[in-house]
């Protein structure tokens, strides 16, 4: 029962994340089954994140410091690496690349960006934590566990930028 609720929670979180995006093109895509479906699910999440941070680096929020821009660029590069990891791992089983236009996020507004970035990272952490124990190939599980720790640090970073020392406040724990 616990595994079911973990997966259901991660799928619901991904649905909320994806509903905040404007999609174009086909709406039905076969993601496979078993480990392939789980990897494609995580690949889609990483595509969303990579697109989000690519847009954020292109459209900086007002008042961004040089240090914040450098760290934001690092986060973008890490998300692109995560996306490419899943794409390579899936090979020909990977779902097609998705095109995303974000609505409801004002990238030039610090509060809007940081709030959405922290929420997105939290959803991805939940999705990865929910998917990791469902893999039949433990090699995938180990890779996901390593990756989820990076995603959690991203969340902590954005929370801390928004409100100093809030990276582990009561909304997260």
N, C-alpha and C. Protein backbone atom coordinates (compact mmCIF):
# COMPACT_ATOMS: atom_id res chain seq x y z
N UNK A 1 0.82 -1.18 0.00
CA UNK A 1 0.00 0.00 0.00
C UNK A 1 0.87 1.25 0.00
N UNK A 2 1.97 1.23 0.76
CA UNK A 2 2.86 2.38 0.83
C UNK A 2 3.41 2.73 -0.54
N UNK A 3 3.83 1.70 -1.31
CA UNK A 3 4.38 1.93 -2.65
C UNK A 3 3.33 2.57 -3.56
N UNK A 4 2.08 2.12 -3.43
CA UNK A 4 1.01 2.69 -4.24
C UNK A 4 0.85 4.18 -3.93
N UNK A 5 0.81 4.53 -2.64
CA UNK A 5 0.62 5.93 -2.28
C UNK A 5 1.82 6.79 -2.66
N UNK A 6 3.02 6.23 -2.60
CA UNK A 6 4.20 6.97 -3.04
C UNK A 6 4.10 7.28 -4.53
N UNK A 7 3.75 6.29 -5.32
CA UNK A 7 3.63 6.49 -6.76
C UNK A 7 2.48 7.43 -7.08
N UNK A 8 1.35 7.24 -6.40
CA UNK A 8 0.20 8.11 -6.64
C UNK A 8 0.53 9.55 -6.30
N UNK A 9 1.24 9.77 -5.21
CA UNK A 9 1.64 11.13 -4.83
C UNK A 9 2.59 11.74 -5.83
N UNK A 10 3.53 10.96 -6.31
CA UNK A 10 4.48 11.50 -7.28
C UNK A 10 3.82 11.79 -8.61
N UNK A 11 2.88 10.96 -9.02
CA UNK A 11 2.16 11.20 -10.27
C UNK A 11 1.27 12.44 -10.14
N UNK A 12 0.61 12.59 -8.99
CA UNK A 12 -0.22 13.77 -8.77
C UNK A 12 0.63 15.04 -8.78
N UNK A 13 1.80 14.97 -8.16
CA UNK A 13 2.70 16.12 -8.16
C UNK A 13 3.16 16.49 -9.55
N UNK A 14 3.47 15.48 -10.34
CA UNK A 14 3.88 15.74 -11.72
C UNK A 14 2.74 16.33 -12.52
N UNK A 15 1.52 15.89 -12.24
CA UNK A 15 0.35 16.46 -12.92
C UNK A 15 0.18 17.93 -12.62
N UNK A 16 0.39 18.31 -11.37
CA UNK A 16 0.31 19.73 -10.99
C UNK A 16 1.39 20.51 -11.71
N UNK A 17 2.60 19.97 -11.73
CA UNK A 17 3.71 20.64 -12.40
C UNK A 17 3.44 20.80 -13.89
N UNK A 18 3.03 19.74 -14.52
CA UNK A 18 2.79 19.80 -15.96
C UNK A 18 1.58 20.64 -16.32
N UNK A 19 0.60 20.75 -15.41
CA UNK A 19 -0.56 21.58 -15.71
C UNK A 19 -0.20 23.06 -15.72
N UNK A 20 0.91 23.41 -15.07
CA UNK A 20 1.37 24.80 -15.07
C UNK A 20 2.09 25.16 -16.36
N UNK A 21 2.26 24.20 -17.22
CA UNK A 21 2.96 24.40 -18.48
C UNK A 21 1.95 24.39 -19.62
N UNK A 22 2.21 25.19 -20.61
CA UNK A 22 1.39 25.17 -21.81
C UNK A 22 2.03 24.19 -22.78
N UNK A 23 1.29 23.20 -23.18
CA UNK A 23 1.84 22.18 -24.07
C UNK A 23 1.29 22.36 -25.47
N UNK A 24 2.09 21.95 -26.42
CA UNK A 24 1.63 21.94 -27.80
C UNK A 24 2.03 20.60 -28.42
N UNK A 25 1.38 20.22 -29.47
CA UNK A 25 1.71 18.95 -30.12
C UNK A 25 0.86 17.83 -29.58
N UNK A 26 1.29 16.60 -29.82
CA UNK A 26 0.48 15.45 -29.42
C UNK A 26 0.27 15.41 -27.91
N UNK A 27 -0.90 14.97 -27.49
CA UNK A 27 -1.18 14.89 -26.07
C UNK A 27 -1.06 13.46 -25.55
N UNK A 28 -1.06 12.48 -26.42
CA UNK A 28 -0.93 11.08 -26.01
C UNK A 28 0.41 10.53 -26.48
N UNK A 29 1.21 10.10 -25.53
CA UNK A 29 2.51 9.53 -25.84
C UNK A 29 2.65 8.27 -25.00
N UNK A 30 3.04 7.19 -25.62
CA UNK A 30 3.27 5.95 -24.91
C UNK A 30 4.63 6.03 -24.21
N UNK A 31 4.63 5.86 -22.90
CA UNK A 31 5.89 5.97 -22.15
C UNK A 31 6.52 4.62 -21.86
N UNK A 32 5.88 3.55 -22.28
CA UNK A 32 6.42 2.21 -22.06
C UNK A 32 5.80 1.58 -20.84
N UNK A 33 6.46 0.57 -20.32
CA UNK A 33 5.98 -0.11 -19.13
C UNK A 33 7.17 -0.43 -18.24
N UNK A 34 6.90 -0.75 -17.00
CA UNK A 34 7.95 -1.12 -16.06
C UNK A 34 9.00 -0.03 -15.89
N UNK A 35 10.26 -0.45 -15.88
CA UNK A 35 11.36 0.50 -15.68
C UNK A 35 11.40 1.56 -16.78
N UNK A 36 11.06 1.19 -18.00
CA UNK A 36 11.06 2.15 -19.10
C UNK A 36 10.05 3.27 -18.84
N UNK A 37 8.88 2.92 -18.37
CA UNK A 37 7.85 3.93 -18.06
C UNK A 37 8.33 4.85 -16.94
N UNK A 38 8.93 4.28 -15.91
CA UNK A 38 9.45 5.10 -14.80
C UNK A 38 10.55 6.04 -15.28
N UNK A 39 11.45 5.53 -16.11
CA UNK A 39 12.53 6.37 -16.63
C UNK A 39 11.98 7.48 -17.52
N UNK A 40 10.99 7.17 -18.35
CA UNK A 40 10.39 8.20 -19.19
C UNK A 40 9.67 9.25 -18.36
N UNK A 41 9.01 8.82 -17.30
CA UNK A 41 8.35 9.76 -16.37
C UNK A 41 9.39 10.73 -15.81
N UNK A 42 10.51 10.21 -15.35
CA UNK A 42 11.56 11.07 -14.80
C UNK A 42 12.22 11.91 -15.88
N UNK A 43 12.34 11.36 -17.07
CA UNK A 43 12.89 12.10 -18.21
C UNK A 43 12.01 13.31 -18.54
N UNK A 44 10.70 13.13 -18.50
CA UNK A 44 9.79 14.24 -18.75
C UNK A 44 9.97 15.32 -17.68
N UNK A 45 10.05 14.91 -16.42
CA UNK A 45 10.27 15.89 -15.34
C UNK A 45 11.57 16.67 -15.56
N UNK A 46 12.60 15.97 -15.98
CA UNK A 46 13.88 16.65 -16.21
C UNK A 46 13.83 17.57 -17.42
N UNK A 47 13.04 17.21 -18.42
CA UNK A 47 12.87 18.11 -19.58
C UNK A 47 12.22 19.41 -19.12
N UNK A 48 11.22 19.29 -18.25
CA UNK A 48 10.53 20.49 -17.74
C UNK A 48 11.52 21.35 -16.95
N UNK A 49 12.28 20.71 -16.07
CA UNK A 49 13.24 21.47 -15.27
C UNK A 49 14.30 22.14 -16.14
N UNK A 50 14.85 21.41 -17.09
CA UNK A 50 15.89 21.99 -17.95
C UNK A 50 15.34 23.19 -18.72
N UNK A 51 14.12 23.08 -19.21
CA UNK A 51 13.50 24.20 -19.93
C UNK A 51 13.25 25.38 -19.00
N UNK A 52 12.81 25.09 -17.77
CA UNK A 52 12.52 26.14 -16.79
C UNK A 52 13.78 26.94 -16.48
N UNK A 53 14.89 26.25 -16.19
CA UNK A 53 16.11 26.96 -15.82
C UNK A 53 16.81 27.59 -17.02
N UNK A 54 16.63 27.02 -18.19
CA UNK A 54 17.15 27.67 -19.39
C UNK A 54 16.46 29.02 -19.58
N UNK A 55 15.13 29.03 -19.39
CA UNK A 55 14.38 30.29 -19.49
C UNK A 55 14.81 31.26 -18.39
N UNK A 56 15.03 30.74 -17.19
CA UNK A 56 15.42 31.60 -16.07
C UNK A 56 16.77 32.27 -16.29
N UNK A 57 17.71 31.53 -16.89
CA UNK A 57 19.03 32.11 -17.16
C UNK A 57 18.92 33.14 -18.28
N UNK A 58 18.01 32.92 -19.23
CA UNK A 58 17.79 33.86 -20.33
C UNK A 58 17.07 35.11 -19.85
N UNK A 59 16.11 34.95 -18.95
CA UNK A 59 15.30 36.06 -18.42
C UNK A 59 15.56 36.18 -16.93
N UNK A 60 16.63 36.86 -16.57
CA UNK A 60 16.99 37.00 -15.15
C UNK A 60 15.95 37.82 -14.40
N UNK A 61 15.76 37.46 -13.14
CA UNK A 61 14.87 38.28 -12.31
C UNK A 61 15.58 39.58 -11.95
N UNK A 62 14.79 40.61 -11.72
CA UNK A 62 15.33 41.93 -11.42
C UNK A 62 16.14 41.87 -10.13
N UNK A 63 17.33 42.41 -10.16
CA UNK A 63 18.18 42.48 -8.98
C UNK A 63 19.05 41.25 -8.75
N UNK A 64 19.10 40.35 -9.70
CA UNK A 64 19.91 39.15 -9.53
C UNK A 64 21.38 39.54 -9.40
N UNK A 65 22.07 38.92 -8.46
CA UNK A 65 23.49 39.22 -8.28
C UNK A 65 24.31 38.31 -9.19
N UNK A 66 25.57 38.67 -9.36
CA UNK A 66 26.47 37.86 -10.19
C UNK A 66 26.60 36.45 -9.61
N UNK A 67 26.66 36.35 -8.29
CA UNK A 67 26.77 35.05 -7.62
C UNK A 67 25.50 34.22 -7.84
N UNK A 68 24.34 34.84 -7.72
CA UNK A 68 23.07 34.13 -7.95
C UNK A 68 22.96 33.66 -9.40
N UNK A 69 23.38 34.50 -10.34
CA UNK A 69 23.33 34.12 -11.76
C UNK A 69 24.27 32.94 -12.02
N UNK A 70 25.45 32.96 -11.41
CA UNK A 70 26.38 31.84 -11.60
C UNK A 70 25.80 30.55 -11.05
N UNK A 71 25.19 30.61 -9.87
CA UNK A 71 24.59 29.41 -9.28
C UNK A 71 23.36 28.95 -10.06
N UNK A 72 22.58 29.89 -10.58
CA UNK A 72 21.42 29.55 -11.39
C UNK A 72 21.88 28.87 -12.69
N UNK A 73 22.97 29.36 -13.25
CA UNK A 73 23.54 28.74 -14.44
C UNK A 73 24.02 27.32 -14.12
N UNK A 74 24.61 27.14 -12.95
CA UNK A 74 25.04 25.80 -12.52
C UNK A 74 23.85 24.86 -12.38
N UNK A 75 22.75 25.35 -11.81
CA UNK A 75 21.54 24.53 -11.66
C UNK A 75 21.02 24.15 -13.04
N UNK A 76 20.97 25.12 -13.95
CA UNK A 76 20.54 24.82 -15.32
C UNK A 76 21.38 23.72 -15.94
N UNK A 77 22.69 23.85 -15.80
CA UNK A 77 23.60 22.86 -16.39
C UNK A 77 23.41 21.48 -15.76
N UNK A 78 23.15 21.43 -14.46
CA UNK A 78 22.90 20.16 -13.79
C UNK A 78 21.60 19.53 -14.29
N UNK A 79 20.56 20.35 -14.48
CA UNK A 79 19.29 19.82 -14.97
C UNK A 79 19.41 19.33 -16.42
N UNK A 80 20.18 20.03 -17.21
CA UNK A 80 20.43 19.56 -18.58
C UNK A 80 21.19 18.23 -18.53
N UNK A 81 22.15 18.10 -17.63
CA UNK A 81 22.88 16.83 -17.49
C UNK A 81 21.94 15.71 -17.06
N UNK A 82 21.02 16.01 -16.13
CA UNK A 82 20.04 15.00 -15.71
C UNK A 82 19.16 14.57 -16.88
N UNK A 83 18.69 15.56 -17.64
CA UNK A 83 17.84 15.26 -18.80
C UNK A 83 18.58 14.37 -19.79
N UNK A 84 19.82 14.72 -20.09
CA UNK A 84 20.60 13.95 -21.05
C UNK A 84 20.94 12.56 -20.52
N UNK A 85 21.11 12.42 -19.21
CA UNK A 85 21.35 11.11 -18.60
C UNK A 85 20.17 10.19 -18.90
N UNK A 86 18.96 10.68 -18.64
CA UNK A 86 17.77 9.85 -18.90
C UNK A 86 17.60 9.57 -20.39
N UNK A 87 17.84 10.57 -21.21
CA UNK A 87 17.71 10.38 -22.66
C UNK A 87 18.67 9.31 -23.15
N UNK A 88 19.90 9.35 -22.68
CA UNK A 88 20.89 8.35 -23.07
C UNK A 88 20.53 6.98 -22.52
N UNK A 89 20.10 6.93 -21.28
CA UNK A 89 19.73 5.67 -20.65
C UNK A 89 18.56 5.01 -21.39
N UNK A 90 17.60 5.82 -21.82
CA UNK A 90 16.43 5.30 -22.51
C UNK A 90 16.72 4.94 -23.97
N UNK A 91 17.66 5.62 -24.60
CA UNK A 91 17.96 5.35 -26.01
C UNK A 91 16.74 5.54 -26.88
N UNK A 92 16.42 4.56 -27.69
CA UNK A 92 15.28 4.66 -28.62
C UNK A 92 13.93 4.54 -27.90
N UNK A 93 13.94 4.19 -26.62
CA UNK A 93 12.69 4.09 -25.86
C UNK A 93 12.26 5.43 -25.26
N UNK A 94 13.09 6.46 -25.42
CA UNK A 94 12.78 7.77 -24.85
C UNK A 94 11.59 8.40 -25.55
N UNK A 95 10.75 9.06 -24.76
CA UNK A 95 9.63 9.81 -25.36
C UNK A 95 10.22 10.97 -26.14
N UNK A 96 9.46 11.51 -27.10
CA UNK A 96 9.98 12.66 -27.86
C UNK A 96 10.20 13.87 -26.94
N UNK A 97 11.10 14.73 -27.35
CA UNK A 97 11.33 15.97 -26.60
C UNK A 97 10.04 16.77 -26.56
N UNK A 98 9.80 17.41 -25.43
CA UNK A 98 8.57 18.19 -25.28
C UNK A 98 8.90 19.67 -25.41
N UNK A 99 7.93 20.42 -25.93
CA UNK A 99 8.04 21.88 -26.00
C UNK A 99 7.18 22.47 -24.90
N UNK A 100 7.75 23.39 -24.15
CA UNK A 100 7.05 23.95 -23.00
C UNK A 100 7.08 25.46 -23.07
N UNK A 101 5.92 26.05 -22.81
CA UNK A 101 5.82 27.50 -22.61
C UNK A 101 5.23 27.69 -21.22
N UNK A 102 6.00 28.24 -20.31
CA UNK A 102 5.54 28.37 -18.92
C UNK A 102 4.57 29.53 -18.78
N UNK A 103 3.45 29.24 -18.12
CA UNK A 103 2.50 30.30 -17.81
C UNK A 103 2.38 30.35 -16.29
N UNK A 104 2.09 31.48 -15.78
CA UNK A 104 1.97 31.62 -14.33
C UNK A 104 3.29 31.86 -13.64
N UNK A 105 4.38 31.94 -14.40
CA UNK A 105 5.69 32.22 -13.83
C UNK A 105 6.20 33.49 -14.48
N UNK A 106 6.52 34.47 -13.66
CA UNK A 106 7.13 35.69 -14.16
C UNK A 106 8.61 35.59 -13.84
N UNK A 107 9.40 35.21 -14.83
CA UNK A 107 10.82 34.95 -14.61
C UNK A 107 11.57 36.22 -14.20
N UNK A 108 11.10 37.38 -14.61
CA UNK A 108 11.77 38.63 -14.26
C UNK A 108 11.47 39.08 -12.84
N UNK A 109 10.51 38.42 -12.18
CA UNK A 109 10.14 38.74 -10.80
C UNK A 109 10.78 37.73 -9.85
N UNK A 110 11.60 38.21 -8.95
CA UNK A 110 12.36 37.34 -8.04
C UNK A 110 11.45 36.41 -7.25
N UNK A 111 10.41 36.96 -6.64
CA UNK A 111 9.51 36.15 -5.82
C UNK A 111 8.82 35.07 -6.64
N UNK A 112 8.31 35.44 -7.80
CA UNK A 112 7.63 34.47 -8.67
C UNK A 112 8.59 33.35 -9.07
N UNK A 113 9.78 33.72 -9.51
CA UNK A 113 10.73 32.71 -9.93
C UNK A 113 11.13 31.79 -8.77
N UNK A 114 11.56 32.37 -7.64
CA UNK A 114 12.05 31.55 -6.54
C UNK A 114 10.97 30.65 -5.96
N UNK A 115 9.74 31.16 -5.85
CA UNK A 115 8.63 30.35 -5.35
C UNK A 115 8.38 29.16 -6.27
N UNK A 116 8.30 29.42 -7.57
CA UNK A 116 8.04 28.35 -8.53
C UNK A 116 9.21 27.38 -8.62
N UNK A 117 10.44 27.88 -8.52
CA UNK A 117 11.61 27.00 -8.58
C UNK A 117 11.62 26.04 -7.39
N UNK A 118 11.36 26.55 -6.19
CA UNK A 118 11.34 25.69 -5.00
C UNK A 118 10.23 24.66 -5.10
N UNK A 119 9.05 25.08 -5.55
CA UNK A 119 7.92 24.14 -5.68
C UNK A 119 8.23 23.06 -6.72
N UNK A 120 8.83 23.46 -7.82
CA UNK A 120 9.15 22.49 -8.86
C UNK A 120 10.17 21.48 -8.35
N UNK A 121 11.19 21.97 -7.66
CA UNK A 121 12.20 21.05 -7.11
C UNK A 121 11.56 20.08 -6.12
N UNK A 122 10.65 20.58 -5.28
CA UNK A 122 9.97 19.71 -4.32
C UNK A 122 9.16 18.62 -5.04
N UNK A 123 8.49 19.00 -6.13
CA UNK A 123 7.71 18.02 -6.89
C UNK A 123 8.62 16.96 -7.53
N UNK A 124 9.74 17.38 -8.04
CA UNK A 124 10.66 16.44 -8.66
C UNK A 124 11.26 15.50 -7.61
N UNK A 125 11.59 16.05 -6.44
CA UNK A 125 12.08 15.21 -5.35
C UNK A 125 11.02 14.16 -4.99
N UNK A 126 9.78 14.60 -4.88
CA UNK A 126 8.69 13.66 -4.56
C UNK A 126 8.54 12.61 -5.66
N UNK A 127 8.61 13.04 -6.90
CA UNK A 127 8.49 12.11 -8.02
C UNK A 127 9.60 11.08 -8.03
N UNK A 128 10.82 11.53 -7.80
CA UNK A 128 11.95 10.61 -7.79
C UNK A 128 11.89 9.66 -6.59
N UNK A 129 11.54 10.21 -5.43
CA UNK A 129 11.42 9.36 -4.24
C UNK A 129 10.31 8.32 -4.42
N UNK A 130 9.24 8.70 -5.09
CA UNK A 130 8.16 7.76 -5.33
C UNK A 130 8.51 6.70 -6.35
N UNK A 131 9.29 7.08 -7.35
CA UNK A 131 9.63 6.15 -8.43
C UNK A 131 10.78 5.22 -8.05
N UNK A 132 11.74 5.70 -7.29
CA UNK A 132 12.97 4.94 -7.02
C UNK A 132 12.71 3.52 -6.51
N UNK A 133 11.84 3.31 -5.54
CA UNK A 133 11.67 1.94 -5.04
C UNK A 133 10.90 1.03 -6.00
N UNK A 134 10.34 1.57 -7.06
CA UNK A 134 9.55 0.78 -7.99
C UNK A 134 10.37 0.15 -9.10
N UNK A 135 11.63 0.56 -9.23
CA UNK A 135 12.49 0.01 -10.28
C UNK A 135 12.84 -1.45 -9.98
N UNK A 136 12.81 -2.27 -11.01
CA UNK A 136 13.26 -3.65 -10.85
C UNK A 136 14.78 -3.74 -10.99
N UNK A 137 15.38 -2.81 -11.74
CA UNK A 137 16.83 -2.75 -11.92
C UNK A 137 17.41 -1.83 -10.85
N UNK A 138 18.12 -2.41 -9.89
CA UNK A 138 18.63 -1.59 -8.78
C UNK A 138 19.67 -0.57 -9.22
N UNK A 139 20.31 -0.78 -10.37
CA UNK A 139 21.24 0.23 -10.87
C UNK A 139 20.52 1.54 -11.12
N UNK A 140 19.31 1.48 -11.63
CA UNK A 140 18.51 2.70 -11.84
C UNK A 140 18.19 3.34 -10.50
N UNK A 141 17.85 2.53 -9.52
CA UNK A 141 17.52 3.06 -8.20
C UNK A 141 18.68 3.84 -7.62
N UNK A 142 19.89 3.31 -7.70
CA UNK A 142 21.05 4.00 -7.15
C UNK A 142 21.30 5.33 -7.86
N UNK A 143 21.13 5.35 -9.16
CA UNK A 143 21.31 6.60 -9.91
C UNK A 143 20.27 7.63 -9.50
N UNK A 144 19.03 7.20 -9.33
CA UNK A 144 17.94 8.11 -8.95
C UNK A 144 18.18 8.65 -7.55
N UNK A 145 18.62 7.81 -6.64
CA UNK A 145 18.88 8.25 -5.26
C UNK A 145 19.95 9.33 -5.24
N UNK A 146 20.99 9.17 -6.04
CA UNK A 146 22.04 10.19 -6.11
C UNK A 146 21.48 11.49 -6.69
N UNK A 147 20.67 11.36 -7.72
CA UNK A 147 20.13 12.53 -8.39
C UNK A 147 19.14 13.28 -7.49
N UNK A 148 18.35 12.55 -6.71
CA UNK A 148 17.35 13.21 -5.87
C UNK A 148 18.01 14.07 -4.79
N UNK A 149 19.20 13.68 -4.35
CA UNK A 149 19.88 14.51 -3.35
C UNK A 149 20.29 15.86 -3.96
N UNK A 150 20.65 15.86 -5.24
CA UNK A 150 20.98 17.10 -5.93
C UNK A 150 19.73 17.97 -6.05
N UNK A 151 18.61 17.35 -6.42
CA UNK A 151 17.35 18.09 -6.56
C UNK A 151 16.94 18.70 -5.22
N UNK A 152 17.12 17.98 -4.13
CA UNK A 152 16.76 18.51 -2.81
C UNK A 152 17.64 19.70 -2.43
N UNK A 153 18.91 19.64 -2.83
CA UNK A 153 19.78 20.79 -2.57
C UNK A 153 19.36 22.00 -3.40
N UNK A 154 18.89 21.77 -4.61
CA UNK A 154 18.37 22.88 -5.41
C UNK A 154 17.20 23.54 -4.68
N UNK A 155 16.30 22.72 -4.19
CA UNK A 155 15.14 23.25 -3.46
C UNK A 155 15.59 24.08 -2.26
N UNK A 156 16.53 23.54 -1.50
CA UNK A 156 17.04 24.26 -0.33
C UNK A 156 17.67 25.58 -0.73
N UNK A 157 18.41 25.58 -1.82
CA UNK A 157 19.05 26.81 -2.30
C UNK A 157 18.02 27.88 -2.65
N UNK A 158 16.99 27.49 -3.40
CA UNK A 158 15.99 28.48 -3.80
C UNK A 158 15.17 28.97 -2.61
N UNK A 159 14.88 28.09 -1.67
CA UNK A 159 14.18 28.51 -0.45
C UNK A 159 15.03 29.50 0.34
N UNK A 160 16.32 29.23 0.43
CA UNK A 160 17.21 30.10 1.18
C UNK A 160 17.36 31.46 0.50
N UNK A 161 17.37 31.48 -0.83
CA UNK A 161 17.40 32.77 -1.54
C UNK A 161 16.13 33.57 -1.27
N UNK A 162 15.01 32.86 -1.22
CA UNK A 162 13.73 33.54 -1.01
C UNK A 162 13.62 34.08 0.41
N UNK A 163 14.00 33.26 1.38
CA UNK A 163 13.94 33.66 2.78
C UNK A 163 15.09 32.99 3.51
N UNK A 164 16.05 33.77 3.93
CA UNK A 164 17.28 33.24 4.51
C UNK A 164 16.99 32.25 5.65
N UNK A 165 17.67 31.13 5.62
CA UNK A 165 17.57 30.05 6.61
C UNK A 165 16.21 29.36 6.63
N UNK A 166 15.49 29.40 5.51
CA UNK A 166 14.18 28.73 5.45
C UNK A 166 14.26 27.41 4.69
N UNK A 167 15.47 26.96 4.36
CA UNK A 167 15.61 25.77 3.53
C UNK A 167 15.01 24.51 4.15
N UNK A 168 14.81 24.51 5.44
CA UNK A 168 14.21 23.34 6.10
C UNK A 168 13.13 23.79 7.08
N UNK A 169 12.32 24.76 6.65
CA UNK A 169 11.27 25.23 7.56
C UNK A 169 10.10 24.26 7.60
N UNK A 170 9.05 24.63 8.30
CA UNK A 170 7.92 23.70 8.52
C UNK A 170 7.14 23.38 7.25
N UNK A 171 7.31 24.16 6.19
CA UNK A 171 6.61 23.84 4.94
C UNK A 171 7.28 22.70 4.20
N UNK A 172 8.50 22.37 4.56
CA UNK A 172 9.24 21.32 3.88
C UNK A 172 9.26 20.04 4.70
N UNK A 173 9.40 20.16 5.98
CA UNK A 173 9.54 18.98 6.86
C UNK A 173 8.18 18.49 7.30
